[in-house]
């Protein structure tokens, strides 16, 4: 899958794990909104997942700019990073904001 093609694009995201919600299997609380781009397929044969940064309230849908791809080296489930069009984050900030989940995987950030 060439998920790099989404970086720089405006995308519509459906949120299935809202800010503050609890993961149904692992019990952790989502510190961000987390969702997927409908009608896409990722390496895990599911829709392409997204971290939504810069929105600090639970939402159901979001349209924003993809500023990065988090490519998992030891897994086939890449994640897009989507933000409001007027925001940006450094790689260090991205690492801190997605650490709750990405700490379990070797990954690189692709811009």
PDB file of N, CA and C in Angstrom:
ATOM      1  N   UNK A   1       0.834  -1.187   0.000  1.00  0.00           N
ATOM      2  CA  UNK A   1       0.000   0.000   0.000  1.00  0.00           C
ATOM      3  C   UNK A   1       0.883   1.257   0.000  1.00  0.00           C
ATOM      4  N   UNK A   2       0.557   2.188  -0.848  1.00  0.00           N
ATOM      5  CA  UNK A   2       1.291   3.447  -0.882  1.00  0.00           C
ATOM      6  C   UNK A   2       0.491   4.514  -0.146  1.00  0.00           C
ATOM      7  N   UNK A   3       0.525   4.446   1.173  1.00  0.00           N
ATOM      8  CA  UNK A   3      -0.239   5.396   1.977  1.00  0.00           C
ATOM      9  C   UNK A   3       0.393   6.781   2.012  1.00  0.00           C
ATOM     10  N   UNK A   4       1.631   6.924   1.493  1.00  0.00           N
ATOM     11  CA  UNK A   4       2.289   8.228   1.437  1.00  0.00           C
ATOM     12  C   UNK A   4       1.521   9.199   0.544  1.00  0.00           C
ATOM     13  N   UNK A   5       0.731   8.665  -0.372  1.00  0.00           N
ATOM     14  CA  UNK A   5      -0.001   9.533  -1.305  1.00  0.00           C
ATOM     15  C   UNK A   5      -1.015  10.436  -0.611  1.00  0.00           C
ATOM     16  N   UNK A   6      -1.360  10.127   0.643  1.00  0.00           N
ATOM     17  CA  UNK A   6      -2.338  10.934   1.376  1.00  0.00           C
ATOM     18  C   UNK A   6      -1.726  12.154   2.052  1.00  0.00           C
ATOM     19  N   UNK A   7      -0.408  12.153   2.253  1.00  0.00           N
ATOM     20  CA  UNK A   7       0.248  13.270   2.930  1.00  0.00           C
ATOM     21  C   UNK A   7       0.087  14.537   2.088  1.00  0.00           C
ATOM     22  N   UNK A   8      -0.365  15.597   2.741  1.00  0.00           N
ATOM     23  CA  UNK A   8      -0.597  16.877   2.068  1.00  0.00           C
ATOM     24  C   UNK A   8      -2.018  17.062   1.566  1.00  0.00           C
ATOM     25  N   UNK A   9      -2.819  16.021   1.608  1.00  0.00           N
ATOM     26  CA  UNK A   9      -4.191  16.099   1.093  1.00  0.00           C
ATOM     27  C   UNK A   9      -5.189  16.453   2.198  1.00  0.00           C
ATOM     28  N   UNK A  10      -6.302  17.045   1.786  1.00  0.00           N
ATOM     29  CA  UNK A  10      -7.431  17.283   2.684  1.00  0.00           C
ATOM     30  C   UNK A  10      -8.283  16.014   2.651  1.00  0.00           C
ATOM     31  N   UNK A  11      -8.582  15.477   3.836  1.00  0.00           N
ATOM     32  CA  UNK A  11      -9.307  14.216   3.926  1.00  0.00           C
ATOM     33  C   UNK A  11     -10.486  14.323   4.888  1.00  0.00           C
ATOM     34  N   UNK A  12     -11.503  13.553   4.596  1.00  0.00           N
ATOM     35  CA  UNK A  12     -12.648  13.425   5.492  1.00  0.00           C
ATOM     36  C   UNK A  12     -12.472  12.151   6.303  1.00  0.00           C
ATOM     37  N   UNK A  13     -12.650  12.274   7.626  1.00  0.00           N
ATOM     38  CA  UNK A  13     -12.409  11.168   8.543  1.00  0.00           C
ATOM     39  C   UNK A  13     -13.668  10.884   9.355  1.00  0.00           C
ATOM     40  N   UNK A  14     -13.995   9.621   9.500  1.00  0.00           N
ATOM     41  CA  UNK A  14     -15.068   9.179  10.394  1.00  0.00           C
ATOM     42  C   UNK A  14     -14.405   8.768  11.703  1.00  0.00           C
ATOM     43  N   UNK A  15     -14.870   9.325  12.806  1.00  0.00           N
ATOM     44  CA  UNK A  15     -14.295   9.041  14.113  1.00  0.00           C
ATOM     45  C   UNK A  15     -15.020   7.840  14.718  1.00  0.00           C
ATOM     46  N   UNK A  16     -14.244   6.815  15.101  1.00  0.00           N
ATOM     47  CA  UNK A  16     -14.860   5.674  15.784  1.00  0.00           C
ATOM     48  C   UNK A  16     -14.349   5.507  17.212  1.00  0.00           C
ATOM     49  N   UNK A  17     -13.362   6.293  17.593  1.00  0.00           N
ATOM     50  CA  UNK A  17     -12.878   6.337  18.973  1.00  0.00           C
ATOM     51  C   UNK A  17     -12.742   7.820  19.327  1.00  0.00           C
ATOM     52  N   UNK A  18     -13.750   8.333  19.996  1.00  0.00           N
ATOM     53  CA  UNK A  18     -13.772   9.756  20.317  1.00  0.00           C
ATOM     54  C   UNK A  18     -12.812  10.110  21.445  1.00  0.00           C
ATOM     55  N   UNK A  19     -12.362  11.345  21.422  1.00  0.00           N
ATOM     56  CA  UNK A  19     -11.560  11.921  22.496  1.00  0.00           C
ATOM     57  C   UNK A  19     -12.194  11.569  23.840  1.00  0.00           C
ATOM     58  N   UNK A  20     -11.414  10.963  24.742  1.00  0.00           N
ATOM     59  CA  UNK A  20     -11.925  10.617  26.072  1.00  0.00           C
ATOM     60  C   UNK A  20     -12.625   9.273  26.178  1.00  0.00           C
ATOM     61  N   UNK A  21     -12.792   8.568  25.051  1.00  0.00           N
ATOM     62  CA  UNK A  21     -13.471   7.270  25.103  1.00  0.00           C
ATOM     63  C   UNK A  21     -12.489   6.174  25.516  1.00  0.00           C
ATOM     64  N   UNK A  22     -13.037   5.055  25.937  1.00  0.00           N
ATOM     65  CA  UNK A  22     -12.225   3.922  26.403  1.00  0.00           C
ATOM     66  C   UNK A  22     -12.125   2.876  25.303  1.00  0.00           C
ATOM     67  N   UNK A  23     -10.918   2.357  25.094  1.00  0.00           N
ATOM     68  CA  UNK A  23     -10.733   1.292  24.107  1.00  0.00           C
ATOM     69  C   UNK A  23     -11.512   0.065  24.573  1.00  0.00           C
ATOM     70  N   UNK A  24     -12.292  -0.556  23.682  1.00  0.00           N
ATOM     71  CA  UNK A  24     -13.161  -1.664  24.098  1.00  0.00           C
ATOM     72  C   UNK A  24     -12.421  -2.926  24.545  1.00  0.00           C
ATOM     73  N   UNK A  25     -11.194  -3.128  24.062  1.00  0.00           N
ATOM     74  CA  UNK A  25     -10.457  -4.344  24.423  1.00  0.00           C
ATOM     75  C   UNK A  25      -9.343  -4.100  25.437  1.00  0.00           C
ATOM     76  N   UNK A  26      -8.656  -2.973  25.314  1.00  0.00           N
ATOM     77  CA  UNK A  26      -7.465  -2.749  26.127  1.00  0.00           C
ATOM     78  C   UNK A  26      -7.674  -1.776  27.281  1.00  0.00           C
ATOM     79  N   UNK A  27      -8.800  -1.078  27.315  1.00  0.00           N
ATOM     80  CA  UNK A  27      -9.163  -0.262  28.462  1.00  0.00           C
ATOM     81  C   UNK A  27      -8.512   1.096  28.597  1.00  0.00           C
ATOM     82  N   UNK A  28      -7.553   1.443  27.719  1.00  0.00           N
ATOM     83  CA  UNK A  28      -6.958   2.769  27.847  1.00  0.00           C
ATOM     84  C   UNK A  28      -7.921   3.830  27.321  1.00  0.00           C
ATOM     85  N   UNK A  29      -7.710   5.060  27.752  1.00  0.00           N
ATOM     86  CA  UNK A  29      -8.533   6.195  27.336  1.00  0.00           C
ATOM     87  C   UNK A  29      -7.850   6.906  26.175  1.00  0.00           C
ATOM     88  N   UNK A  30      -8.618   7.203  25.137  1.00  0.00           N
ATOM     89  CA  UNK A  30      -8.064   7.916  23.981  1.00  0.00           C
ATOM     90  C   UNK A  30      -7.856   9.390  24.320  1.00  0.00           C
ATOM     91  N   UNK A  31      -6.598   9.875  24.258  1.00  0.00           N
ATOM     92  CA  UNK A  31      -6.321  11.285  24.538  1.00  0.00           C
ATOM     93  C   UNK A  31      -6.530  12.180  23.312  1.00  0.00           C
ATOM     94  N   UNK A  32      -6.966  11.580  22.206  1.00  0.00           N
ATOM     95  CA  UNK A  32      -7.224  12.293  20.951  1.00  0.00           C
ATOM     96  C   UNK A  32      -8.430  11.636  20.283  1.00  0.00           C
ATOM     97  N   UNK A  33      -8.951  12.237  19.240  1.00  0.00           N
ATOM     98  CA  UNK A  33      -9.941  11.581  18.391  1.00  0.00           C
ATOM     99  C   UNK A  33      -9.201  10.669  17.425  1.00  0.00           C
ATOM    100  N   UNK A  34      -9.790   9.514  17.167  1.00  0.00           N
ATOM    101  CA  UNK A  34      -9.139   8.489  16.344  1.00  0.00           C
ATOM    102  C   UNK A  34     -10.196   7.918  15.411  1.00  0.00           C
ATOM    103  N   UNK A  35      -9.862   7.814  14.135  1.00  0.00           N
ATOM    104  CA  UNK A  35     -10.850   7.315  13.191  1.00  0.00           C
ATOM    105  C   UNK A  35     -10.220   6.716  11.959  1.00  0.00           C
ATOM    106  N   UNK A  36     -10.935   6.814  10.850  1.00  0.00           N
ATOM    107  CA  UNK A  36     -10.464   6.208   9.608  1.00  0.00           C
ATOM    108  C   UNK A  36     -11.013   6.978   8.411  1.00  0.00           C
ATOM    109  N   UNK A  37     -10.348   6.801   7.275  1.00  0.00           N
ATOM    110  CA  UNK A  37     -10.816   7.393   6.021  1.00  0.00           C
ATOM    111  C   UNK A  37     -11.716   6.363   5.351  1.00  0.00           C
ATOM    112  N   UNK A  38     -13.008   6.673   5.219  1.00  0.00           N
ATOM    113  CA  UNK A  38     -13.923   5.715   4.581  1.00  0.00           C
ATOM    114  C   UNK A  38     -13.490   5.366   3.158  1.00  0.00           C
ATOM    115  N   UNK A  39     -13.799   4.149   2.759  1.00  0.00           N
ATOM    116  CA  UNK A  39     -13.555   3.654   1.399  1.00  0.00           C
ATOM    117  C   UNK A  39     -12.082   3.593   1.027  1.00  0.00           C
ATOM    118  N   UNK A  40     -11.222   3.357   2.018  1.00  0.00           N
ATOM    119  CA  UNK A  40      -9.805   3.116   1.770  1.00  0.00           C
ATOM    120  C   UNK A  40      -9.471   1.732   2.319  1.00  0.00           C
ATOM    121  N   UNK A  41      -8.343   1.206   1.938  1.00  0.00           N
ATOM    122  CA  UNK A  41      -7.881  -0.071   2.474  1.00  0.00           C
ATOM    123  C   UNK A  41      -6.417   0.087   2.870  1.00  0.00           C
ATOM    124  N   UNK A  42      -6.103  -0.323   4.090  1.00  0.00           N
ATOM    125  CA  UNK A  42      -4.739  -0.281   4.586  1.00  0.00           C
ATOM    126  C   UNK A  42      -4.136  -1.680   4.500  1.00  0.00           C
ATOM    127  N   UNK A  43      -2.905  -1.810   4.949  1.00  0.00           N
ATOM    128  CA  UNK A  43      -2.202  -3.078   4.898  1.00  0.00           C
ATOM    129  C   UNK A  43      -2.822  -4.177   5.739  1.00  0.00           C
ATOM    130  N   UNK A  44      -3.653  -3.782   6.713  1.00  0.00           N
ATOM    131  CA  UNK A  44      -4.317  -4.777   7.559  1.00  0.00           C
ATOM    132  C   UNK A  44      -5.694  -5.164   7.012  1.00  0.00           C
ATOM    133  N   UNK A  45      -5.982  -4.752   5.774  1.00  0.00           N
ATOM    134  CA  UNK A  45      -7.258  -5.019   5.088  1.00  0.00           C
ATOM    135  C   UNK A  45      -8.453  -4.309   5.719  1.00  0.00           C
ATOM    136  N   UNK A  46      -8.185  -3.341   6.569  1.00  0.00           N
ATOM    137  CA  UNK A  46      -9.215  -2.481   7.147  1.00  0.00           C
ATOM    138  C   UNK A  46      -9.042  -1.086   6.562  1.00  0.00           C
ATOM    139  N   UNK A  47      -9.991  -0.206   6.857  1.00  0.00           N
ATOM    140  CA  UNK A  47      -9.859   1.168   6.375  1.00  0.00           C
ATOM    141  C   UNK A  47      -8.677   1.856   7.071  1.00  0.00           C
ATOM    142  N   UNK A  48      -8.098   2.830   6.393  1.00  0.00           N
ATOM    143  CA  UNK A  48      -6.883   3.506   6.847  1.00  0.00           C
ATOM    144  C   UNK A  48      -7.165   4.362   8.078  1.00  0.00           C
ATOM    145  N   UNK A  49      -6.461   4.056   9.171  1.00  0.00           N
ATOM    146  CA  UNK A  49      -6.667   4.731  10.452  1.00  0.00           C
ATOM    147  C   UNK A  49      -6.019   6.103  10.482  1.00  0.00           C
ATOM    148  N   UNK A  50      -6.583   6.973  11.346  1.00  0.00           N
ATOM    149  CA  UNK A  50      -6.102   8.349  11.463  1.00  0.00           C
ATOM    150  C   UNK A  50      -6.090   8.811  12.907  1.00  0.00           C
ATOM    151  N   UNK A  51      -5.025   9.506  13.256  1.00  0.00           N
ATOM    152  CA  UNK A  51      -4.975  10.268  14.490  1.00  0.00           C
ATOM    153  C   UNK A  51      -5.416  11.686  14.155  1.00  0.00           C
ATOM    154  N   UNK A  52      -6.390  12.209  14.881  1.00  0.00           N
ATOM    155  CA  UNK A  52      -6.839  13.593  14.689  1.00  0.00           C
ATOM    156  C   UNK A  52      -6.216  14.429  15.802  1.00  0.00           C
ATOM    157  N   UNK A  53      -5.353  15.359  15.449  1.00  0.00           N
ATOM    158  CA  UNK A  53      -4.689  16.207  16.430  1.00  0.00           C
ATOM    159  C   UNK A  53      -5.204  17.635  16.321  1.00  0.00           C
ATOM    160  N   UNK A  54      -5.186  18.346  17.446  1.00  0.00           N
ATOM    161  CA  UNK A  54      -5.587  19.751  17.448  1.00  0.00           C
ATOM    162  C   UNK A  54      -7.070  19.979  17.665  1.00  0.00           C
ATOM    163  N   UNK A  55      -7.825  18.934  17.978  1.00  0.00           N
ATOM    164  CA  UNK A  55      -9.254  19.048  18.274  1.00  0.00           C
ATOM    165  C   UNK A  55      -9.449  18.409  19.645  1.00  0.00           C
ATOM    166  N   UNK A  56      -9.842  19.205  20.631  1.00  0.00           N
ATOM    167  CA  UNK A  56      -9.849  18.740  22.013  1.00  0.00           C
ATOM    168  C   UNK A  56     -11.245  18.559  22.586  1.00  0.00           C
ATOM    169  N   UNK A  57     -12.102  17.993  21.769  1.00  0.00           N
ATOM    170  CA  UNK A  57     -13.457  17.626  22.196  1.00  0.00           C
ATOM    171  C   UNK A  57     -13.897  16.435  21.359  1.00  0.00           C
ATOM    172  N   UNK A  58     -14.796  15.608  21.868  1.00  0.00           N
ATOM    173  CA  UNK A  58     -15.259  14.456  21.087  1.00  0.00           C
ATOM    174  C   UNK A  58     -16.003  14.914  19.830  1.00  0.00           C
ATOM    175  N   UNK A  59     -15.693  14.289  18.705  1.00  0.00           N
ATOM    176  CA  UNK A  59     -16.353  14.594  17.437  1.00  0.00           C
ATOM    177  C   UNK A  59     -16.702  13.292  16.724  1.00  0.00           C
ATOM    178  N   UNK A  60     -17.574  13.368  15.742  1.00  0.00           N
ATOM    179  CA  UNK A  60     -17.988  12.190  14.966  1.00  0.00           C
ATOM    180  C   UNK A  60     -17.341  12.159  13.581  1.00  0.00           C
ATOM    181  N   UNK A  61     -17.125  13.339  12.996  1.00  0.00           N
ATOM    182  CA  UNK A  61     -16.521  13.474  11.666  1.00  0.00           C
ATOM    183  C   UNK A  61     -15.545  14.633  11.706  1.00  0.00           C
ATOM    184  N   UNK A  62     -14.558  14.585  10.816  1.00  0.00           N
ATOM    185  CA  UNK A  62     -13.594  15.677  10.754  1.00  0.00           C
ATOM    186  C   UNK A  62     -13.031  15.763   9.351  1.00  0.00           C
ATOM    187  N   UNK A  63     -12.857  16.981   8.863  1.00  0.00           N
ATOM    188  CA  UNK A  63     -12.163  17.220   7.602  1.00  0.00           C
ATOM    189  C   UNK A  63     -10.940  18.060   7.919  1.00  0.00           C
ATOM    190  N   UNK A  64      -9.777  17.561   7.537  1.00  0.00           N
ATOM    191  CA  UNK A  64      -8.542  18.268   7.824  1.00  0.00           C
ATOM    192  C   UNK A  64      -7.427  17.835   6.904  1.00  0.00           C
ATOM    193  N   UNK A  65      -6.245  18.379   7.162  1.00  0.00           N
ATOM    194  CA  UNK A  65      -5.082  18.131   6.315  1.00  0.00           C
ATOM    195  C   UNK A  65      -4.228  17.007   6.902  1.00  0.00           C
ATOM    196  N   UNK A  66      -3.812  16.099   6.048  1.00  0.00           N
ATOM    197  CA  UNK A  66      -2.902  15.030   6.448  1.00  0.00           C
ATOM    198  C   UNK A  66      -1.486  15.604   6.412  1.00  0.00           C
ATOM    199  N   UNK A  67      -0.857  15.682   7.595  1.00  0.00           N
ATOM    200  CA  UNK A  67       0.484  16.262   7.660  1.00  0.00           C
ATOM    201  C   UNK A  67       1.579  15.199   7.742  1.00  0.00           C
ATOM    202  N   UNK A  68       1.194  13.942   7.998  1.00  0.00           N
ATOM    203  CA  UNK A  68       2.212  12.903   8.123  1.00  0.00           C
ATOM    204  C   UNK A  68       1.583  11.522   8.055  1.00  0.00           C
ATOM    205  N   UNK A  69       2.443  10.567   7.766  1.00  0.00           N
ATOM    206  CA  UNK A  69       2.098   9.153   7.817  1.00  0.00           C
ATOM    207  C   UNK A  69       3.004   8.523   8.862  1.00  0.00           C
ATOM    208  N   UNK A  70       2.414   7.793   9.784  1.00  0.00           N
ATOM    209  CA  UNK A  70       3.210   7.023  10.728  1.00  0.00           C
ATOM    210  C   UNK A  70       3.267   5.608  10.172  1.00  0.00           C
ATOM    211  N   UNK A  71       4.438   5.274   9.637  1.00  0.00           N
ATOM    212  CA  UNK A  71       4.641   3.969   9.006  1.00  0.00           C
ATOM    213  C   UNK A  71       5.206   3.005  10.042  1.00  0.00           C
ATOM    214  N   UNK A  72       4.439   1.985  10.334  1.00  0.00           N
ATOM    215  CA  UNK A  72       4.872   0.968  11.293  1.00  0.00           C
ATOM    216  C   UNK A  72       5.772  -0.037  10.590  1.00  0.00           C
ATOM    217  N   UNK A  73       6.975  -0.167  11.082  1.00  0.00           N
ATOM    218  CA  UNK A  73       7.960  -1.061  10.491  1.00  0.00           C
ATOM    219  C   UNK A  73       7.663  -2.513  10.842  1.00  0.00           C
ATOM    220  N   UNK A  74       7.171  -2.743  12.059  1.00  0.00           N
ATOM    221  CA  UNK A  74       6.928  -4.100  12.536  1.00  0.00           C
ATOM    222  C   UNK A  74       5.443  -4.471  12.564  1.00  0.00           C
ATOM    223  N   UNK A  75       4.644  -3.777  11.760  1.00  0.00           N
ATOM    224  CA  UNK A  75       3.207  -4.029  11.683  1.00  0.00           C
ATOM    225  C   UNK A  75       2.729  -3.514  10.328  1.00  0.00           C
ATOM    226  N   UNK A  76       1.592  -3.946   9.876  1.00  0.00           N
ATOM    227  CA  UNK A  76       1.093  -3.506   8.565  1.00  0.00           C
ATOM    228  C   UNK A  76      -0.084  -2.543   8.692  1.00  0.00           C
ATOM    229  N   UNK A  77      -0.110  -1.761   9.766  1.00  0.00           N
ATOM    230  CA  UNK A  77      -1.238  -0.878  10.044  1.00  0.00           C
ATOM    231  C   UNK A  77      -0.769   0.566  10.185  1.00  0.00           C
ATOM    232  N   UNK A  78      -0.410   1.206   9.059  1.00  0.00           N
ATOM    233  CA  UNK A  78       0.010   2.602   9.075  1.00  0.00           C
ATOM    234  C   UNK A  78      -1.111   3.496   9.583  1.00  0.00           C
ATOM    235  N   UNK A  79      -0.731   4.680  10.070  1.00  0.00           N
ATOM    236  CA  UNK A  79      -1.687   5.672  10.567  1.00  0.00           C
ATOM    237  C   UNK A  79      -1.407   7.016   9.909  1.00  0.00           C
ATOM    238  N   UNK A  80      -2.468   7.715   9.535  1.00  0.00           N
ATOM    239  CA  UNK A  80      -2.343   9.077   9.045  1.00  0.00           C
ATOM    240  C   UNK A  80      -2.497  10.042  10.210  1.00  0.00           C
ATOM    241  N   UNK A  81      -1.848  11.193  10.121  1.00  0.00           N
ATOM    242  CA  UNK A  81      -1.999  12.252  11.116  1.00  0.00           C
ATOM    243  C   UNK A  81      -2.740  13.396  10.432  1.00  0.00           C
ATOM    244  N   UNK A  82      -3.935  13.696  10.951  1.00  0.00           N
ATOM    245  CA  UNK A  82      -4.810  14.711  10.363  1.00  0.00           C
ATOM    246  C   UNK A  82      -4.973  15.860  11.358  1.00  0.00           C
ATOM    247  N   UNK A  83      -4.861  17.085  10.864  1.00  0.00           N
ATOM    248  CA  UNK A  83      -4.963  18.271  11.719  1.00  0.00           C
ATOM    249  C   UNK A  83      -5.837  19.326  11.039  1.00  0.00           C
ATOM    250  N   UNK A  84      -6.332  20.310  11.818  1.00  0.00           N
ATOM    251  CA  UNK A  84      -6.989  21.451  11.185  1.00  0.00           C
ATOM    252  C   UNK A  84      -6.016  22.126  10.214  1.00  0.00           C
ATOM    253  N   UNK A  85      -6.533  22.713   9.159  1.00  0.00           N
ATOM    254  CA  UNK A  85      -5.675  23.260   8.110  1.00  0.00           C
ATOM    255  C   UNK A  85      -4.755  24.382   8.595  1.00  0.00           C
ATOM    256  N   UNK A  86      -5.076  25.004   9.722  1.00  0.00           N
ATOM    257  CA  UNK A  86      -4.238  26.100  10.231  1.00  0.00           C
ATOM    258  C   UNK A  86      -3.242  25.634  11.295  1.00  0.00           C
ATOM    259  N   UNK A  87      -3.075  24.319  11.482  1.00  0.00           N
ATOM    260  CA  UNK A  87      -2.171  23.801  12.508  1.00  0.00           C
ATOM    261  C   UNK A  87      -1.074  22.956  11.887  1.00  0.00           C
ATOM    262  N   UNK A  88       0.014  22.828  12.629  1.00  0.00           N
ATOM    263  CA  UNK A  88       1.105  21.938  12.242  1.00  0.00           C
ATOM    264  C   UNK A  88       1.792  21.476  13.521  1.00  0.00           C
ATOM    265  N   UNK A  89       2.484  20.372  13.444  1.00  0.00           N
ATOM    266  CA  UNK A  89       3.197  19.815  14.587  1.00  0.00           C
ATOM    267  C   UNK A  89       4.551  19.315  14.121  1.00  0.00           C
ATOM    268  N   UNK A  90       5.542  19.457  14.986  1.00  0.00           N
ATOM    269  CA  UNK A  90       6.873  18.915  14.692  1.00  0.00           C
ATOM    270  C   UNK A  90       6.839  17.394  14.881  1.00  0.00           C
ATOM    271  N   UNK A  91       7.866  16.715  14.396  1.00  0.00           N
ATOM    272  CA  UNK A  91       7.944  15.267  14.609  1.00  0.00           C
ATOM    273  C   UNK A  91       7.986  14.930  16.092  1.00  0.00           C
ATOM    274  N   UNK A  92       8.664  15.734  16.883  1.00  0.00           N
ATOM    275  CA  UNK A  92       8.734  15.499  18.325  1.00  0.00           C
ATOM    276  C   UNK A  92       7.354  15.624  18.961  1.00  0.00           C
ATOM    277  N   UNK A  93       6.590  16.622  18.544  1.00  0.00           N
ATOM    278  CA  UNK A  93       5.229  16.777  19.054  1.00  0.00           C
ATOM    279  C   UNK A  93       4.347  15.600  18.635  1.00  0.00           C
ATOM    280  N   UNK A  94       4.478  15.171  17.376  1.00  0.00           N
ATOM    281  CA  UNK A  94       3.706  14.013  16.918  1.00  0.00           C
ATOM    282  C   UNK A  94       4.013  12.786  17.764  1.00  0.00           C
ATOM    283  N   UNK A  95       5.290  12.534  17.995  1.00  0.00           N
ATOM    284  CA  UNK A  95       5.691  11.373  18.802  1.00  0.00           C
ATOM    285  C   UNK A  95       5.035  11.425  20.181  1.00  0.00           C
ATOM    286  N   UNK A  96       5.039  12.599  20.805  1.00  0.00           N
ATOM    287  CA  UNK A  96       4.451  12.733  22.142  1.00  0.00           C
ATOM    288  C   UNK A  96       2.940  12.519  22.118  1.00  0.00           C
ATOM    289  N   UNK A  97       2.267  13.014  21.108  1.00  0.00           N
ATOM    290  CA  UNK A  97       0.806  12.939  21.054  1.00  0.00           C
ATOM    291  C   UNK A  97       0.272  11.557  20.693  1.00  0.00           C
ATOM    292  N   UNK A  98       1.051  10.755  20.000  1.00  0.00           N
ATOM    293  CA  UNK A  98       0.585   9.410  19.617  1.00  0.00           C
ATOM    294  C   UNK A  98       1.302   8.308  20.408  1.00  0.00           C
ATOM    295  N   UNK A  99       2.085   8.699  21.375  1.00  0.00           N
ATOM    296  CA  UNK A  99       2.855   7.765  22.188  1.00  0.00           C
ATOM    297  C   UNK A  99       1.960   6.742  22.876  1.00  0.00           C
ATOM    298  N   UNK A 100       0.761   7.118  23.240  1.00  0.00           N
ATOM    299  CA  UNK A 100      -0.144   6.208  23.947  1.00  0.00           C
ATOM    300  C   UNK A 100      -0.344   4.903  23.187  1.00  0.00           C
ATOM    301  N   UNK A 101      -0.201   4.944  21.880  1.00  0.00           N
ATOM    302  CA  UNK A 101      -0.396   3.743  21.071  1.00  0.00           C
ATOM    303  C   UNK A 101       0.869   3.326  20.320  1.00  0.00           C
ATOM    304  N   UNK A 102       1.601   4.283  19.799  1.00  0.00           N
ATOM    305  CA  UNK A 102       2.762   3.971  18.964  1.00  0.00           C
ATOM    306  C   UNK A 102       3.970   3.478  19.761  1.00  0.00           C
ATOM    307  N   UNK A 103       3.963   3.627  21.068  1.00  0.00           N
ATOM    308  CA  UNK A 103       5.095   3.135  21.873  1.00  0.00           C
ATOM    309  C   UNK A 103       5.286   1.631  21.751  1.00  0.00           C
ATOM    310  N   UNK A 104       4.260   0.943  21.287  1.00  0.00           N
ATOM    311  CA  UNK A 104       4.318  -0.509  21.161  1.00  0.00           C
ATOM    312  C   UNK A 104       4.851  -0.976  19.804  1.00  0.00           C
ATOM    313  N   UNK A 105       5.148  -0.042  18.901  1.00  0.00           N
ATOM    314  CA  UNK A 105       5.541  -0.385  17.535  1.00  0.00           C
ATOM    315  C   UNK A 105       6.782   0.384  17.113  1.00  0.00           C
ATOM    316  N   UNK A 106       7.643  -0.254  16.328  1.00  0.00           N
ATOM    317  CA  UNK A 106       8.715   0.477  15.654  1.00  0.00           C
ATOM    318  C   UNK A 106       8.064   1.215  14.495  1.00  0.00           C
ATOM    319  N   UNK A 107       8.393   2.476  14.356  1.00  0.00           N
ATOM    320  CA  UNK A 107       7.754   3.265  13.299  1.00  0.00           C
ATOM    321  C   UNK A 107       8.642   4.425  12.884  1.00  0.00           C
ATOM    322  N   UNK A 108       8.310   4.980  11.740  1.00  0.00           N
ATOM    323  CA  UNK A 108       8.937   6.217  11.282  1.00  0.00           C
ATOM    324  C   UNK A 108       7.836   7.173  10.851  1.00  0.00           C
ATOM    325  N   UNK A 109       8.157   8.450  10.928  1.00  0.00           N
ATOM    326  CA  UNK A 109       7.216   9.490  10.482  1.00  0.00           C
ATOM    327  C   UNK A 109       7.630   9.916   9.092  1.00  0.00           C
ATOM    328  N   UNK A 110       6.689   9.854   8.171  1.00  0.00           N
ATOM    329  CA  UNK A 110       6.924  10.257   6.790  1.00  0.00           C
ATOM    330  C   UNK A 110       6.129  11.520   6.527  1.00  0.00           C
ATOM    331  N   UNK A 111       6.828  12.541   6.011  1.00  0.00           N
ATOM    332  CA  UNK A 111       6.175  13.823   5.704  1.00  0.00           C
ATOM    333  C   UNK A 111       5.984  13.960   4.200  1.00  0.00           C
TER     334      UNK A 111
END
